[in-house]
Amino acid sequence: MTLPDMDKDLSAYTDFQKLSDRVVYWERRFALTNPDAEDEVRFKEIAAKHSTRVLSVMRAG
């Protein structure tokens, strides 16, 4: 499991609920890797980027 893999996977979701469920999945997998502080920040940035993207699509219509 790598952060680029997670980024690619999350980019496929356009439904916020499905994206949220998938972020929880990746969060569990990510925790098993014993990430350092820098990777934790990158994880949160990736999750936030995709959440913002999906919410923008929802607002647009």
N, C-alpha and C. Protein backbone atom coordinates (compact mmCIF):
# COMPACT_ATOMS: atom_id res chain seq x y z
N MET A 1 0.85 -1.17 0.00
CA MET A 1 0.00 0.00 0.00
C MET A 1 0.89 1.23 0.00
N THR A 2 0.66 2.07 -0.97
CA THR A 2 1.39 3.32 -1.02
C THR A 2 0.41 4.48 -1.13
N LEU A 3 0.89 5.63 -0.78
CA LEU A 3 0.03 6.81 -0.89
C LEU A 3 -0.37 7.10 -2.34
N PRO A 4 0.51 6.92 -3.32
CA PRO A 4 0.06 7.09 -4.71
C PRO A 4 -1.04 6.11 -5.11
N ASP A 5 -0.99 4.88 -4.58
CA ASP A 5 -2.06 3.91 -4.84
C ASP A 5 -3.39 4.41 -4.27
N MET A 6 -3.33 4.94 -3.06
CA MET A 6 -4.53 5.46 -2.42
C MET A 6 -5.07 6.65 -3.22
N ASP A 7 -4.18 7.54 -3.64
CA ASP A 7 -4.59 8.71 -4.41
C ASP A 7 -5.30 8.29 -5.69
N LYS A 8 -4.73 7.33 -6.38
CA LYS A 8 -5.32 6.83 -7.63
C LYS A 8 -6.69 6.19 -7.37
N ASP A 9 -6.78 5.38 -6.33
CA ASP A 9 -8.04 4.71 -6.00
C ASP A 9 -9.13 5.72 -5.65
N LEU A 10 -8.81 6.69 -4.82
CA LEU A 10 -9.82 7.66 -4.40
C LEU A 10 -10.27 8.57 -5.53
N SER A 11 -9.44 8.73 -6.53
CA SER A 11 -9.81 9.60 -7.66
C SER A 11 -10.97 9.03 -8.46
N ALA A 12 -11.27 7.76 -8.30
CA ALA A 12 -12.36 7.12 -9.05
C ALA A 12 -13.74 7.39 -8.45
N TYR A 13 -13.81 7.92 -7.25
CA TYR A 13 -15.09 8.09 -6.56
C TYR A 13 -15.66 9.49 -6.77
N THR A 14 -16.96 9.52 -7.08
CA THR A 14 -17.66 10.80 -7.23
C THR A 14 -18.82 10.92 -6.24
N ASP A 15 -19.13 9.86 -5.53
CA ASP A 15 -20.17 9.86 -4.51
C ASP A 15 -19.51 10.05 -3.15
N PHE A 16 -19.97 11.06 -2.39
CA PHE A 16 -19.30 11.38 -1.14
C PHE A 16 -19.36 10.24 -0.13
N GLN A 17 -20.49 9.55 -0.02
CA GLN A 17 -20.60 8.46 0.95
C GLN A 17 -19.65 7.33 0.60
N LYS A 18 -19.58 6.98 -0.68
CA LYS A 18 -18.66 5.91 -1.10
C LYS A 18 -17.21 6.33 -0.89
N LEU A 19 -16.92 7.60 -1.16
CA LEU A 19 -15.57 8.10 -0.92
C LEU A 19 -15.23 8.03 0.56
N SER A 20 -16.17 8.43 1.41
CA SER A 20 -15.95 8.38 2.85
C SER A 20 -15.67 6.96 3.33
N ASP A 21 -16.45 6.01 2.82
CA ASP A 21 -16.23 4.61 3.18
C ASP A 21 -14.85 4.14 2.73
N ARG A 22 -14.44 4.57 1.56
CA ARG A 22 -13.15 4.14 1.02
C ARG A 22 -11.99 4.78 1.79
N VAL A 23 -12.17 6.02 2.24
CA VAL A 23 -11.13 6.66 3.05
C VAL A 23 -10.94 5.89 4.35
N VAL A 24 -12.02 5.42 4.94
CA VAL A 24 -11.92 4.62 6.17
C VAL A 24 -11.14 3.34 5.89
N TYR A 25 -11.41 2.70 4.76
CA TYR A 25 -10.67 1.49 4.35
C TYR A 25 -9.17 1.80 4.26
N TRP A 26 -8.83 2.87 3.55
CA TRP A 26 -7.41 3.22 3.38
C TRP A 26 -6.79 3.63 4.71
N GLU A 27 -7.56 4.26 5.56
CA GLU A 27 -7.05 4.67 6.87
C GLU A 27 -6.63 3.46 7.69
N ARG A 28 -7.44 2.41 7.65
CA ARG A 28 -7.10 1.17 8.37
C ARG A 28 -5.84 0.53 7.81
N ARG A 29 -5.77 0.45 6.48
CA ARG A 29 -4.58 -0.13 5.84
C ARG A 29 -3.34 0.70 6.13
N PHE A 30 -3.51 2.00 6.09
CA PHE A 30 -2.40 2.92 6.32
C PHE A 30 -1.86 2.78 7.74
N ALA A 31 -2.74 2.61 8.71
CA ALA A 31 -2.34 2.47 10.11
C ALA A 31 -1.46 1.24 10.32
N LEU A 32 -1.68 0.21 9.52
CA LEU A 32 -0.89 -1.01 9.66
C LEU A 32 0.56 -0.84 9.22
N THR A 33 0.85 0.24 8.49
CA THR A 33 2.21 0.46 7.99
C THR A 33 3.08 1.23 8.97
N ASN A 34 2.54 1.60 10.13
CA ASN A 34 3.27 2.40 11.11
C ASN A 34 3.87 3.65 10.47
N PRO A 35 3.02 4.53 9.96
CA PRO A 35 3.51 5.70 9.22
C PRO A 35 4.21 6.71 10.12
N ASP A 36 5.14 7.45 9.53
CA ASP A 36 5.76 8.54 10.27
C ASP A 36 4.88 9.79 10.14
N ALA A 37 5.26 10.84 10.83
CA ALA A 37 4.44 12.06 10.87
C ALA A 37 4.27 12.67 9.48
N GLU A 38 5.31 12.64 8.67
CA GLU A 38 5.24 13.21 7.32
C GLU A 38 4.22 12.47 6.45
N ASP A 39 4.23 11.13 6.53
CA ASP A 39 3.27 10.35 5.76
C ASP A 39 1.84 10.56 6.26
N GLU A 40 1.68 10.75 7.56
CA GLU A 40 0.34 11.01 8.08
C GLU A 40 -0.22 12.32 7.53
N VAL A 41 0.63 13.33 7.41
CA VAL A 41 0.21 14.61 6.84
C VAL A 41 -0.16 14.41 5.38
N ARG A 42 0.65 13.69 4.64
CA ARG A 42 0.36 13.43 3.22
C ARG A 42 -0.94 12.67 3.07
N PHE A 43 -1.20 11.69 3.95
CA PHE A 43 -2.45 10.93 3.91
C PHE A 43 -3.64 11.87 4.07
N LYS A 44 -3.58 12.73 5.06
CA LYS A 44 -4.68 13.66 5.32
C LYS A 44 -4.87 14.63 4.15
N GLU A 45 -3.77 15.07 3.55
CA GLU A 45 -3.86 15.98 2.40
C GLU A 45 -4.54 15.30 1.21
N ILE A 46 -4.20 14.05 0.97
CA ILE A 46 -4.82 13.31 -0.14
C ILE A 46 -6.31 13.12 0.11
N ALA A 47 -6.66 12.71 1.32
CA ALA A 47 -8.07 12.51 1.66
C ALA A 47 -8.84 13.83 1.54
N ALA A 48 -8.25 14.91 2.00
CA ALA A 48 -8.91 16.22 1.92
C ALA A 48 -9.07 16.67 0.47
N LYS A 49 -8.07 16.42 -0.35
CA LYS A 49 -8.13 16.81 -1.77
C LYS A 49 -9.32 16.14 -2.45
N HIS A 50 -9.50 14.85 -2.21
CA HIS A 50 -10.59 14.13 -2.87
C HIS A 50 -11.95 14.49 -2.26
N SER A 51 -11.99 14.74 -0.97
CA SER A 51 -13.25 15.17 -0.35
C SER A 51 -13.69 16.51 -0.92
N THR A 52 -12.76 17.43 -1.06
CA THR A 52 -13.06 18.74 -1.63
C THR A 52 -13.52 18.60 -3.07
N ARG A 53 -12.86 17.75 -3.82
CA ARG A 53 -13.23 17.52 -5.23
C ARG A 53 -14.66 17.02 -5.34
N VAL A 54 -15.02 16.02 -4.54
CA VAL A 54 -16.36 15.44 -4.62
C VAL A 54 -17.41 16.43 -4.13
N LEU A 55 -17.11 17.16 -3.08
CA LEU A 55 -18.08 18.16 -2.60
C LEU A 55 -18.28 19.27 -3.63
N SER A 56 -17.24 19.64 -4.34
CA SER A 56 -17.37 20.66 -5.39
C SER A 56 -18.28 20.19 -6.50
N VAL A 57 -18.16 18.92 -6.86
CA VAL A 57 -19.02 18.35 -7.90
C VAL A 57 -20.47 18.32 -7.43
N MET A 58 -20.68 17.97 -6.16
CA MET A 58 -22.03 17.92 -5.62
C MET A 58 -22.66 19.31 -5.62
N ARG A 59 -21.89 20.33 -5.24
CA ARG A 59 -22.42 21.69 -5.21
C ARG A 59 -22.74 22.21 -6.60
N ALA A 60 -21.92 21.80 -7.56
CA ALA A 60 -22.10 22.28 -8.94
C ALA A 60 -23.36 21.70 -9.58
N GLY A 61 -23.79 20.58 -9.07
CA GLY A 61 -25.04 20.08 -9.59
C GLY A 61 -24.98 18.71 -10.03
